[in-house]
């Protein structure tokens, strides 16, 4: 069965973005960006891949399906990109978006747990939960693995990694990798 993996960047104080959705304050040293391109190329938006030296059609290594909330999808829409990850199956979970004018992006207005359980039964690579915090909290019971990109910066406020009810859920760290500026990636599996 496929896994749901919350692959996400966070500040030291647990924010995945600033109050306005900004992620530009995260430091991105060359060794980190190079590693992302090699190990997780599918997590880079299609329009950015060639700028980082990747082929636009570089094969997906870990994920072939992406689930995101409206807040994660809207920055792409604001930039005129209706299909930011055209190299993957894309699902936007939202009960307020109304419609998406791109046949390569599916709008799902149902309970996200139903969607994820259905996707887990299909053949393929793992499923990338890209955010945001409300969606991650709603799917906490379905998350099989966390891959946390931890940036050595305190945001102070913003969008939390999990924005929901108090639900202590144990995960066990399995691996950690550190980069030149102190960025770290830590893999956790459900304990």
N, C-alpha and C. Protein backbone atom coordinates (compact mmCIF):
# COMPACT_ATOMS: atom_id res chain seq x y z
N UNK A 1 0.84 -1.18 0.00
CA UNK A 1 0.00 0.00 0.00
C UNK A 1 0.88 1.24 0.00
N UNK A 2 0.43 2.24 -0.73
CA UNK A 2 1.15 3.51 -0.79
C UNK A 2 1.07 4.22 0.56
N UNK A 3 2.08 5.05 0.83
CA UNK A 3 2.10 5.82 2.07
C UNK A 3 1.74 7.27 1.78
N UNK A 4 1.14 7.91 2.79
CA UNK A 4 0.95 9.35 2.76
C UNK A 4 2.12 9.95 3.53
N UNK A 5 2.89 10.81 2.86
CA UNK A 5 4.10 11.39 3.43
C UNK A 5 3.94 12.91 3.47
N UNK A 6 4.02 13.45 4.68
CA UNK A 6 3.98 14.91 4.83
C UNK A 6 5.41 15.39 4.69
N UNK A 7 5.76 15.84 3.49
CA UNK A 7 7.10 16.34 3.14
C UNK A 7 6.98 17.85 3.15
N UNK A 8 7.56 18.48 4.18
CA UNK A 8 7.27 19.90 4.40
C UNK A 8 8.45 20.60 5.05
N UNK A 9 8.61 21.88 4.75
CA UNK A 9 9.62 22.70 5.40
C UNK A 9 9.02 23.43 6.59
N UNK A 10 9.84 23.58 7.65
CA UNK A 10 9.37 24.26 8.86
C UNK A 10 10.46 25.09 9.49
N UNK A 11 10.04 26.19 10.10
CA UNK A 11 10.97 26.97 10.91
C UNK A 11 11.21 26.23 12.22
N UNK A 12 12.17 26.70 13.00
CA UNK A 12 12.46 26.06 14.28
C UNK A 12 11.27 26.09 15.22
N UNK A 13 10.40 27.09 15.06
CA UNK A 13 9.23 27.18 15.93
C UNK A 13 7.97 26.59 15.29
N UNK A 14 8.13 25.77 14.25
CA UNK A 14 7.03 24.97 13.73
C UNK A 14 6.13 25.61 12.69
N UNK A 15 6.58 26.69 12.04
CA UNK A 15 5.75 27.34 11.02
C UNK A 15 6.20 26.93 9.62
N UNK A 16 5.21 26.62 8.76
CA UNK A 16 5.52 26.21 7.40
C UNK A 16 5.53 27.41 6.45
N UNK A 17 5.06 28.54 6.92
CA UNK A 17 5.05 29.78 6.12
C UNK A 17 4.79 30.95 7.06
N UNK A 18 5.06 32.13 6.55
CA UNK A 18 4.74 33.34 7.30
C UNK A 18 3.24 33.57 7.32
N UNK A 19 2.79 34.61 8.01
CA UNK A 19 1.35 34.87 8.13
C UNK A 19 0.65 35.04 6.78
N UNK A 20 1.38 35.54 5.78
CA UNK A 20 0.79 35.77 4.46
C UNK A 20 1.12 34.64 3.47
N UNK A 21 1.63 33.52 3.99
CA UNK A 21 1.98 32.39 3.14
C UNK A 21 3.39 32.44 2.59
N UNK A 22 4.15 33.46 2.95
CA UNK A 22 5.52 33.64 2.44
C UNK A 22 6.45 32.54 2.96
N UNK A 23 7.28 32.00 2.06
CA UNK A 23 8.33 31.05 2.46
C UNK A 23 9.71 31.55 2.06
N UNK A 24 9.78 32.79 1.58
CA UNK A 24 11.04 33.35 1.10
C UNK A 24 12.08 33.58 2.17
N UNK A 25 11.73 33.48 3.43
CA UNK A 25 12.69 33.70 4.51
C UNK A 25 13.48 32.45 4.86
N UNK A 26 13.14 31.31 4.25
CA UNK A 26 13.89 30.08 4.51
C UNK A 26 15.22 30.11 3.77
N UNK A 27 16.33 29.87 4.45
CA UNK A 27 17.63 29.84 3.76
C UNK A 27 17.76 28.57 2.91
N UNK A 28 18.25 28.74 1.68
CA UNK A 28 18.37 27.61 0.74
C UNK A 28 19.78 27.54 0.18
N UNK A 29 20.72 26.95 0.92
CA UNK A 29 22.09 26.84 0.41
C UNK A 29 22.15 25.89 -0.79
N UNK A 30 23.19 26.06 -1.59
CA UNK A 30 23.33 25.26 -2.82
C UNK A 30 23.31 23.76 -2.57
N UNK A 31 23.99 23.32 -1.51
CA UNK A 31 24.03 21.87 -1.27
C UNK A 31 22.65 21.32 -0.95
N UNK A 32 21.82 22.11 -0.30
CA UNK A 32 20.46 21.69 0.03
C UNK A 32 19.60 21.63 -1.23
N UNK A 33 19.63 22.66 -2.04
CA UNK A 33 18.84 22.70 -3.27
C UNK A 33 19.28 21.59 -4.22
N UNK A 34 20.60 21.35 -4.31
CA UNK A 34 21.10 20.26 -5.14
C UNK A 34 20.60 18.91 -4.67
N UNK A 35 20.61 18.73 -3.36
CA UNK A 35 20.12 17.47 -2.77
C UNK A 35 18.64 17.27 -3.09
N UNK A 36 17.84 18.34 -2.93
CA UNK A 36 16.41 18.25 -3.27
C UNK A 36 16.22 17.81 -4.72
N UNK A 37 16.98 18.44 -5.63
CA UNK A 37 16.87 18.10 -7.04
C UNK A 37 17.24 16.66 -7.35
N UNK A 38 18.18 16.11 -6.59
CA UNK A 38 18.59 14.73 -6.81
C UNK A 38 17.66 13.73 -6.14
N UNK A 39 17.28 13.99 -4.90
CA UNK A 39 16.53 13.01 -4.11
C UNK A 39 15.01 13.16 -4.21
N UNK A 40 14.53 14.38 -4.36
CA UNK A 40 13.09 14.65 -4.40
C UNK A 40 12.76 15.62 -5.54
N UNK A 41 13.15 15.29 -6.78
CA UNK A 41 12.94 16.24 -7.88
C UNK A 41 11.48 16.59 -8.11
N UNK A 42 10.59 15.66 -7.81
CA UNK A 42 9.17 15.92 -8.05
C UNK A 42 8.58 16.97 -7.11
N UNK A 43 9.28 17.29 -6.02
CA UNK A 43 8.77 18.30 -5.09
C UNK A 43 9.10 19.72 -5.55
N UNK A 44 9.81 19.84 -6.64
CA UNK A 44 10.12 21.15 -7.21
C UNK A 44 9.08 21.46 -8.28
N UNK A 45 8.46 22.64 -8.24
CA UNK A 45 7.45 22.97 -9.24
C UNK A 45 7.99 22.81 -10.66
N UNK A 46 7.14 22.42 -11.56
CA UNK A 46 7.54 22.15 -12.94
C UNK A 46 8.27 23.33 -13.56
N UNK A 47 7.78 24.54 -13.35
CA UNK A 47 8.38 25.72 -13.98
C UNK A 47 9.74 26.09 -13.38
N UNK A 48 10.10 25.54 -12.24
CA UNK A 48 11.37 25.85 -11.57
C UNK A 48 12.46 24.83 -11.93
N UNK A 49 12.06 23.64 -12.32
CA UNK A 49 13.00 22.54 -12.50
C UNK A 49 14.15 22.86 -13.46
N UNK A 50 13.86 23.42 -14.62
CA UNK A 50 14.92 23.69 -15.59
C UNK A 50 15.88 24.77 -15.08
N UNK A 51 15.37 25.71 -14.28
CA UNK A 51 16.23 26.76 -13.70
C UNK A 51 17.24 26.18 -12.71
N UNK A 52 16.93 25.00 -12.18
CA UNK A 52 17.82 24.34 -11.23
C UNK A 52 18.66 23.24 -11.88
N UNK A 53 18.64 23.20 -13.19
CA UNK A 53 19.45 22.23 -13.91
C UNK A 53 18.81 20.87 -14.07
N UNK A 54 17.53 20.75 -13.77
CA UNK A 54 16.82 19.48 -13.94
C UNK A 54 16.08 19.48 -15.27
N UNK A 55 15.95 18.33 -15.85
CA UNK A 55 15.11 18.21 -17.04
C UNK A 55 13.66 18.38 -16.61
N UNK A 56 12.88 19.04 -17.42
CA UNK A 56 11.46 19.25 -17.09
C UNK A 56 10.75 17.91 -16.90
N UNK A 57 11.24 16.88 -17.59
CA UNK A 57 10.62 15.56 -17.49
C UNK A 57 11.44 14.59 -16.63
N UNK A 58 12.25 15.13 -15.71
CA UNK A 58 13.02 14.26 -14.80
C UNK A 58 12.06 13.32 -14.09
N UNK A 59 12.41 12.04 -13.98
CA UNK A 59 11.47 11.08 -13.40
C UNK A 59 11.22 11.36 -11.90
N UNK A 60 10.00 11.08 -11.50
CA UNK A 60 9.65 11.17 -10.09
C UNK A 60 10.32 10.01 -9.35
N UNK A 61 10.90 10.31 -8.21
CA UNK A 61 11.62 9.27 -7.45
C UNK A 61 10.81 8.71 -6.28
N UNK A 62 10.08 9.57 -5.59
CA UNK A 62 9.37 9.13 -4.37
C UNK A 62 7.85 9.23 -4.49
N UNK A 63 7.37 10.28 -5.16
CA UNK A 63 5.94 10.57 -5.22
C UNK A 63 5.47 10.69 -6.66
N UNK A 64 4.23 10.24 -6.90
CA UNK A 64 3.60 10.49 -8.20
C UNK A 64 2.26 11.18 -8.05
N UNK A 65 1.86 11.43 -6.80
CA UNK A 65 0.58 12.05 -6.51
C UNK A 65 0.80 13.09 -5.42
N UNK A 66 0.11 14.21 -5.57
CA UNK A 66 0.25 15.34 -4.64
C UNK A 66 -1.13 15.72 -4.13
N UNK A 67 -1.23 15.91 -2.81
CA UNK A 67 -2.45 16.40 -2.18
C UNK A 67 -2.10 17.69 -1.47
N UNK A 68 -2.85 18.75 -1.75
CA UNK A 68 -2.59 20.05 -1.12
C UNK A 68 -3.91 20.74 -0.81
N UNK A 69 -3.84 21.67 0.12
CA UNK A 69 -5.00 22.48 0.45
C UNK A 69 -5.05 23.72 -0.42
N UNK A 70 -6.12 24.45 -0.27
CA UNK A 70 -6.32 25.67 -1.06
C UNK A 70 -5.20 26.69 -0.82
N UNK A 71 -4.79 26.85 0.42
CA UNK A 71 -3.75 27.82 0.74
C UNK A 71 -2.41 27.49 0.11
N UNK A 72 -2.14 26.23 -0.11
CA UNK A 72 -0.90 25.82 -0.78
C UNK A 72 -1.01 26.03 -2.29
N UNK A 73 -2.20 25.84 -2.82
CA UNK A 73 -2.44 25.97 -4.26
C UNK A 73 -2.55 27.43 -4.72
N UNK A 74 -3.10 28.29 -3.89
CA UNK A 74 -3.38 29.67 -4.32
C UNK A 74 -2.17 30.48 -4.75
N UNK A 75 -0.98 30.35 -4.14
CA UNK A 75 0.17 31.12 -4.67
C UNK A 75 0.47 30.80 -6.13
N UNK A 76 0.29 29.54 -6.53
CA UNK A 76 0.49 29.19 -7.94
C UNK A 76 -0.55 29.88 -8.81
N UNK A 77 -1.80 29.84 -8.37
CA UNK A 77 -2.86 30.52 -9.12
C UNK A 77 -2.57 32.01 -9.26
N UNK A 78 -2.11 32.63 -8.19
CA UNK A 78 -1.80 34.06 -8.22
C UNK A 78 -0.70 34.38 -9.22
N UNK A 79 0.20 33.39 -9.45
CA UNK A 79 1.28 33.57 -10.41
C UNK A 79 0.88 33.13 -11.82
N UNK A 80 -0.40 32.76 -12.00
CA UNK A 80 -0.87 32.33 -13.31
C UNK A 80 -0.59 30.88 -13.63
N UNK A 81 -0.25 30.09 -12.62
CA UNK A 81 0.06 28.66 -12.82
C UNK A 81 -1.10 27.83 -12.31
N UNK A 82 -1.85 27.24 -13.20
CA UNK A 82 -2.97 26.41 -12.77
C UNK A 82 -2.55 24.98 -12.47
N UNK A 83 -1.39 24.58 -12.98
CA UNK A 83 -0.89 23.22 -12.76
C UNK A 83 0.59 23.30 -12.35
N UNK A 84 0.87 23.64 -11.08
CA UNK A 84 2.25 23.88 -10.67
C UNK A 84 3.13 22.64 -10.66
N UNK A 85 2.53 21.48 -10.56
CA UNK A 85 3.29 20.22 -10.54
C UNK A 85 2.75 19.31 -11.64
N UNK A 86 2.86 19.76 -12.87
CA UNK A 86 2.25 19.03 -13.98
C UNK A 86 2.87 17.65 -14.21
N UNK A 87 3.99 17.39 -13.57
CA UNK A 87 4.65 16.08 -13.68
C UNK A 87 4.08 15.07 -12.69
N UNK A 88 3.01 15.43 -11.97
CA UNK A 88 2.38 14.56 -10.98
C UNK A 88 0.86 14.66 -11.09
N UNK A 89 0.16 13.69 -10.51
CA UNK A 89 -1.28 13.82 -10.30
C UNK A 89 -1.47 14.80 -9.16
N UNK A 90 -2.32 15.80 -9.34
CA UNK A 90 -2.50 16.85 -8.34
C UNK A 90 -3.95 16.90 -7.87
N UNK A 91 -4.11 16.93 -6.55
CA UNK A 91 -5.43 17.07 -5.94
C UNK A 91 -5.40 18.28 -5.02
N UNK A 92 -6.39 19.13 -5.13
CA UNK A 92 -6.56 20.26 -4.22
C UNK A 92 -7.81 19.97 -3.40
N UNK A 93 -7.63 19.93 -2.08
CA UNK A 93 -8.75 19.68 -1.18
C UNK A 93 -9.27 21.03 -0.72
N UNK A 94 -10.51 21.34 -1.09
CA UNK A 94 -11.11 22.61 -0.70
C UNK A 94 -12.62 22.54 -0.86
N UNK A 95 -13.32 23.06 0.12
CA UNK A 95 -14.78 23.16 0.01
C UNK A 95 -15.20 24.57 -0.38
N UNK A 96 -14.22 25.46 -0.59
CA UNK A 96 -14.55 26.86 -0.88
C UNK A 96 -14.00 27.36 -2.21
N UNK A 97 -13.13 26.60 -2.85
CA UNK A 97 -12.50 27.06 -4.09
C UNK A 97 -13.49 27.17 -5.25
N UNK A 98 -14.45 26.27 -5.29
CA UNK A 98 -15.48 26.33 -6.33
C UNK A 98 -15.17 25.49 -7.54
N UNK A 99 -14.09 25.82 -8.25
CA UNK A 99 -13.70 25.04 -9.42
C UNK A 99 -12.26 25.36 -9.79
N UNK A 100 -11.67 24.46 -10.57
CA UNK A 100 -10.32 24.65 -11.08
C UNK A 100 -10.41 24.52 -12.60
N UNK A 101 -9.90 25.51 -13.29
CA UNK A 101 -9.98 25.52 -14.75
C UNK A 101 -8.76 24.88 -15.40
N UNK A 102 -8.41 23.71 -14.93
CA UNK A 102 -7.30 22.96 -15.51
C UNK A 102 -7.61 21.48 -15.32
N UNK A 103 -7.74 20.73 -16.41
CA UNK A 103 -8.12 19.32 -16.29
C UNK A 103 -7.05 18.44 -15.63
N UNK A 104 -5.82 18.96 -15.47
CA UNK A 104 -4.77 18.16 -14.86
C UNK A 104 -4.73 18.30 -13.33
N UNK A 105 -5.58 19.16 -12.79
CA UNK A 105 -5.66 19.36 -11.34
C UNK A 105 -7.08 19.04 -10.90
N UNK A 106 -7.20 18.10 -9.98
CA UNK A 106 -8.51 17.67 -9.50
C UNK A 106 -8.88 18.41 -8.22
N UNK A 107 -10.06 18.98 -8.20
CA UNK A 107 -10.61 19.59 -6.98
C UNK A 107 -11.39 18.52 -6.25
N UNK A 108 -11.12 18.35 -4.97
CA UNK A 108 -11.85 17.38 -4.16
C UNK A 108 -12.48 18.11 -2.99
N UNK A 109 -13.78 18.12 -2.95
CA UNK A 109 -14.52 18.84 -1.91
C UNK A 109 -14.96 17.92 -0.77
N UNK A 110 -14.61 16.64 -0.87
CA UNK A 110 -15.01 15.67 0.16
C UNK A 110 -14.11 15.79 1.39
N UNK A 111 -14.40 14.96 2.33
CA UNK A 111 -13.52 14.80 3.49
C UNK A 111 -12.18 14.30 2.98
N UNK A 112 -11.06 14.95 3.32
CA UNK A 112 -9.77 14.54 2.77
C UNK A 112 -9.36 13.12 3.16
N UNK A 113 -9.86 12.62 4.28
CA UNK A 113 -9.54 11.25 4.70
C UNK A 113 -10.05 10.25 3.65
N UNK A 114 -11.25 10.49 3.14
CA UNK A 114 -11.83 9.61 2.11
C UNK A 114 -10.94 9.60 0.88
N UNK A 115 -10.53 10.78 0.43
CA UNK A 115 -9.65 10.88 -0.73
C UNK A 115 -8.36 10.12 -0.52
N UNK A 116 -7.69 10.36 0.60
CA UNK A 116 -6.38 9.74 0.86
C UNK A 116 -6.51 8.23 0.98
N UNK A 117 -7.53 7.76 1.63
CA UNK A 117 -7.71 6.30 1.74
C UNK A 117 -7.90 5.67 0.37
N UNK A 118 -8.61 6.36 -0.50
CA UNK A 118 -8.80 5.87 -1.87
C UNK A 118 -7.46 5.86 -2.61
N UNK A 119 -6.70 6.94 -2.52
CA UNK A 119 -5.40 7.02 -3.20
C UNK A 119 -4.42 5.97 -2.70
N UNK A 120 -4.45 5.69 -1.41
CA UNK A 120 -3.54 4.69 -0.84
C UNK A 120 -3.78 3.30 -1.43
N UNK A 121 -4.99 3.03 -1.88
CA UNK A 121 -5.33 1.71 -2.43
C UNK A 121 -4.86 1.55 -3.87
N UNK A 122 -4.52 2.64 -4.53
CA UNK A 122 -4.09 2.58 -5.92
C UNK A 122 -2.62 2.20 -6.03
N UNK A 123 -2.23 1.69 -7.17
CA UNK A 123 -0.83 1.38 -7.43
C UNK A 123 -0.07 2.67 -7.70
N UNK A 124 1.21 2.66 -7.40
CA UNK A 124 2.04 3.81 -7.71
C UNK A 124 3.02 4.13 -6.60
N UNK A 125 3.69 5.27 -6.78
CA UNK A 125 4.62 5.75 -5.77
C UNK A 125 3.82 6.34 -4.61
N UNK A 126 4.52 6.81 -3.58
CA UNK A 126 3.85 7.37 -2.42
C UNK A 126 3.13 8.67 -2.76
N UNK A 127 2.34 9.14 -1.82
CA UNK A 127 1.51 10.33 -1.96
C UNK A 127 2.14 11.44 -1.14
N UNK A 128 2.38 12.58 -1.77
CA UNK A 128 2.99 13.72 -1.10
C UNK A 128 1.89 14.63 -0.57
N UNK A 129 1.84 14.77 0.74
CA UNK A 129 1.00 15.77 1.38
C UNK A 129 1.85 17.03 1.45
N UNK A 130 1.51 18.03 0.62
CA UNK A 130 2.33 19.22 0.51
C UNK A 130 1.91 20.33 1.47
N UNK A 131 0.76 20.24 2.05
CA UNK A 131 0.29 21.26 2.98
C UNK A 131 -1.10 21.66 2.59
N UNK A 132 -1.62 22.50 3.41
CA UNK A 132 -1.08 23.23 4.53
C UNK A 132 -1.40 22.63 5.88
N UNK A 133 -1.26 23.48 6.87
CA UNK A 133 -1.38 23.07 8.25
C UNK A 133 -2.74 22.54 8.64
N UNK A 134 -3.81 23.13 8.11
CA UNK A 134 -5.15 22.64 8.42
C UNK A 134 -5.38 21.27 7.81
N UNK A 135 -4.93 21.11 6.56
CA UNK A 135 -5.10 19.82 5.88
C UNK A 135 -4.26 18.75 6.58
N UNK A 136 -3.05 19.09 6.97
CA UNK A 136 -2.19 18.13 7.67
C UNK A 136 -2.84 17.69 8.99
N UNK A 137 -3.43 18.62 9.70
CA UNK A 137 -4.10 18.27 10.95
C UNK A 137 -5.30 17.36 10.69
N UNK A 138 -6.06 17.65 9.63
CA UNK A 138 -7.21 16.81 9.29
C UNK A 138 -6.79 15.41 8.88
N UNK A 139 -5.58 15.29 8.30
CA UNK A 139 -5.09 13.99 7.82
C UNK A 139 -4.10 13.32 8.77
N UNK A 140 -3.94 13.86 9.97
CA UNK A 140 -2.94 13.33 10.89
C UNK A 140 -3.05 11.82 11.08
N UNK A 141 -4.25 11.31 11.19
CA UNK A 141 -4.44 9.87 11.37
C UNK A 141 -4.04 9.04 10.17
N UNK A 142 -3.88 9.66 9.01
CA UNK A 142 -3.52 8.95 7.78
C UNK A 142 -2.05 9.12 7.41
N UNK A 143 -1.33 10.02 8.08
CA UNK A 143 0.07 10.27 7.74
C UNK A 143 0.92 9.10 8.22
N UNK A 144 1.63 8.49 7.28
CA UNK A 144 2.49 7.34 7.59
C UNK A 144 3.91 7.76 7.88
N UNK A 145 4.33 8.85 7.28
CA UNK A 145 5.72 9.30 7.42
C UNK A 145 5.77 10.82 7.36
N UNK A 146 6.67 11.40 8.15
CA UNK A 146 6.96 12.82 8.09
C UNK A 146 8.37 12.98 7.55
N UNK A 147 8.56 13.89 6.62
CA UNK A 147 9.89 14.29 6.19
C UNK A 147 9.92 15.80 6.41
N UNK A 148 10.59 16.19 7.49
CA UNK A 148 10.60 17.59 7.92
C UNK A 148 11.91 18.24 7.50
N UNK A 149 11.80 19.24 6.64
CA UNK A 149 12.95 20.07 6.28
C UNK A 149 12.97 21.21 7.30
N UNK A 150 13.91 21.16 8.20
CA UNK A 150 13.98 22.13 9.29
C UNK A 150 15.00 23.21 8.95
N UNK A 151 14.53 24.45 8.93
CA UNK A 151 15.39 25.58 8.59
C UNK A 151 15.82 26.30 9.88
N UNK A 152 17.08 26.73 9.98
CA UNK A 152 17.57 27.34 11.21
C UNK A 152 17.14 28.80 11.34
N UNK A 153 15.83 28.98 11.41
CA UNK A 153 15.26 30.32 11.53
C UNK A 153 14.00 30.23 12.39
N UNK A 154 13.77 31.25 13.21
CA UNK A 154 12.54 31.35 13.99
C UNK A 154 11.64 32.35 13.27
N UNK A 155 10.41 31.94 13.00
CA UNK A 155 9.47 32.80 12.29
C UNK A 155 8.70 33.72 13.24
N UNK A 156 8.38 33.25 14.42
CA UNK A 156 7.63 34.06 15.37
C UNK A 156 6.13 33.90 15.27
N UNK A 157 5.63 33.84 14.07
CA UNK A 157 4.21 33.60 13.81
C UNK A 157 4.07 33.15 12.36
N UNK A 158 2.89 32.71 12.01
CA UNK A 158 2.66 32.27 10.64
C UNK A 158 1.69 31.12 10.59
N UNK A 159 1.87 30.28 9.59
CA UNK A 159 1.02 29.12 9.38
C UNK A 159 1.70 27.92 10.03
N UNK A 160 1.09 27.32 11.05
CA UNK A 160 1.72 26.20 11.73
C UNK A 160 1.71 24.93 10.87
N UNK A 161 2.65 24.05 11.14
CA UNK A 161 2.73 22.78 10.42
C UNK A 161 1.49 21.93 10.58
N UNK A 162 0.87 22.02 11.74
CA UNK A 162 -0.38 21.32 12.03
C UNK A 162 -1.29 22.32 12.72
N UNK A 163 -2.41 22.65 12.10
CA UNK A 163 -3.34 23.62 12.67
C UNK A 163 -4.67 22.94 12.91
N UNK A 164 -4.78 22.30 14.07
CA UNK A 164 -6.01 21.58 14.38
C UNK A 164 -6.13 21.34 15.87
N UNK A 165 -6.96 20.39 16.20
CA UNK A 165 -7.23 20.05 17.59
C UNK A 165 -6.00 19.42 18.25
N UNK A 166 -5.98 19.46 19.56
CA UNK A 166 -4.92 18.81 20.34
C UNK A 166 -5.06 17.30 20.18
N UNK A 167 -4.09 16.69 19.48
CA UNK A 167 -4.10 15.25 19.21
C UNK A 167 -2.68 14.72 19.27
N UNK A 168 -2.09 14.53 20.43
CA UNK A 168 -0.72 14.03 20.49
C UNK A 168 -0.59 12.71 19.71
N UNK A 169 0.34 12.69 18.77
CA UNK A 169 0.55 11.54 17.90
C UNK A 169 2.05 11.30 17.82
N UNK A 170 2.47 10.13 18.21
CA UNK A 170 3.90 9.83 18.26
C UNK A 170 4.45 9.39 16.91
N UNK A 171 5.61 9.93 16.59
CA UNK A 171 6.39 9.51 15.43
C UNK A 171 7.81 9.25 15.92
N UNK A 172 8.50 8.33 15.29
CA UNK A 172 9.87 8.00 15.69
C UNK A 172 10.83 8.44 14.60
N UNK A 173 11.89 9.18 14.97
CA UNK A 173 12.87 9.57 13.96
C UNK A 173 13.64 8.35 13.46
N UNK A 174 13.91 8.32 12.16
CA UNK A 174 14.67 7.20 11.59
C UNK A 174 16.00 7.64 11.00
N UNK A 175 16.04 8.84 10.42
CA UNK A 175 17.26 9.32 9.76
C UNK A 175 17.29 10.84 9.84
N UNK A 176 18.51 11.39 9.83
CA UNK A 176 18.64 12.85 9.79
C UNK A 176 19.83 13.19 8.89
N UNK A 177 19.66 14.26 8.12
CA UNK A 177 20.74 14.75 7.25
C UNK A 177 20.88 16.24 7.50
N UNK A 178 22.14 16.71 7.60
CA UNK A 178 22.39 18.13 7.85
C UNK A 178 23.14 18.74 6.67
N UNK A 179 22.88 20.03 6.45
CA UNK A 179 23.48 20.74 5.33
C UNK A 179 24.37 21.86 5.83
N UNK A 180 25.07 22.52 4.91
CA UNK A 180 26.14 23.47 5.23
C UNK A 180 25.73 24.60 6.16
N UNK A 181 24.50 25.08 6.07
CA UNK A 181 24.07 26.21 6.88
C UNK A 181 23.30 25.81 8.13
N UNK A 182 23.16 24.51 8.37
CA UNK A 182 22.39 24.04 9.51
C UNK A 182 21.00 23.55 9.15
N UNK A 183 20.58 23.71 7.89
CA UNK A 183 19.33 23.07 7.48
C UNK A 183 19.43 21.59 7.79
N UNK A 184 18.32 21.00 8.21
CA UNK A 184 18.29 19.57 8.47
C UNK A 184 17.05 18.97 7.83
N UNK A 185 17.17 17.72 7.43
CA UNK A 185 16.01 16.95 7.01
C UNK A 185 15.96 15.76 7.93
N UNK A 186 14.79 15.54 8.52
CA UNK A 186 14.61 14.41 9.43
C UNK A 186 13.40 13.60 8.96
N UNK A 187 13.60 12.30 8.89
CA UNK A 187 12.53 11.36 8.51
C UNK A 187 11.98 10.75 9.78
N UNK A 188 10.65 10.69 9.86
CA UNK A 188 9.96 10.10 11.01
C UNK A 188 8.93 9.10 10.48
N UNK A 189 8.77 7.98 11.18
CA UNK A 189 7.69 7.06 10.86
C UNK A 189 6.74 7.02 12.06
N UNK A 190 5.51 6.65 11.77
CA UNK A 190 4.52 6.57 12.85
C UNK A 190 5.00 5.57 13.89
N UNK A 191 4.98 6.00 15.14
CA UNK A 191 5.49 5.14 16.23
C UNK A 191 4.44 4.11 16.62
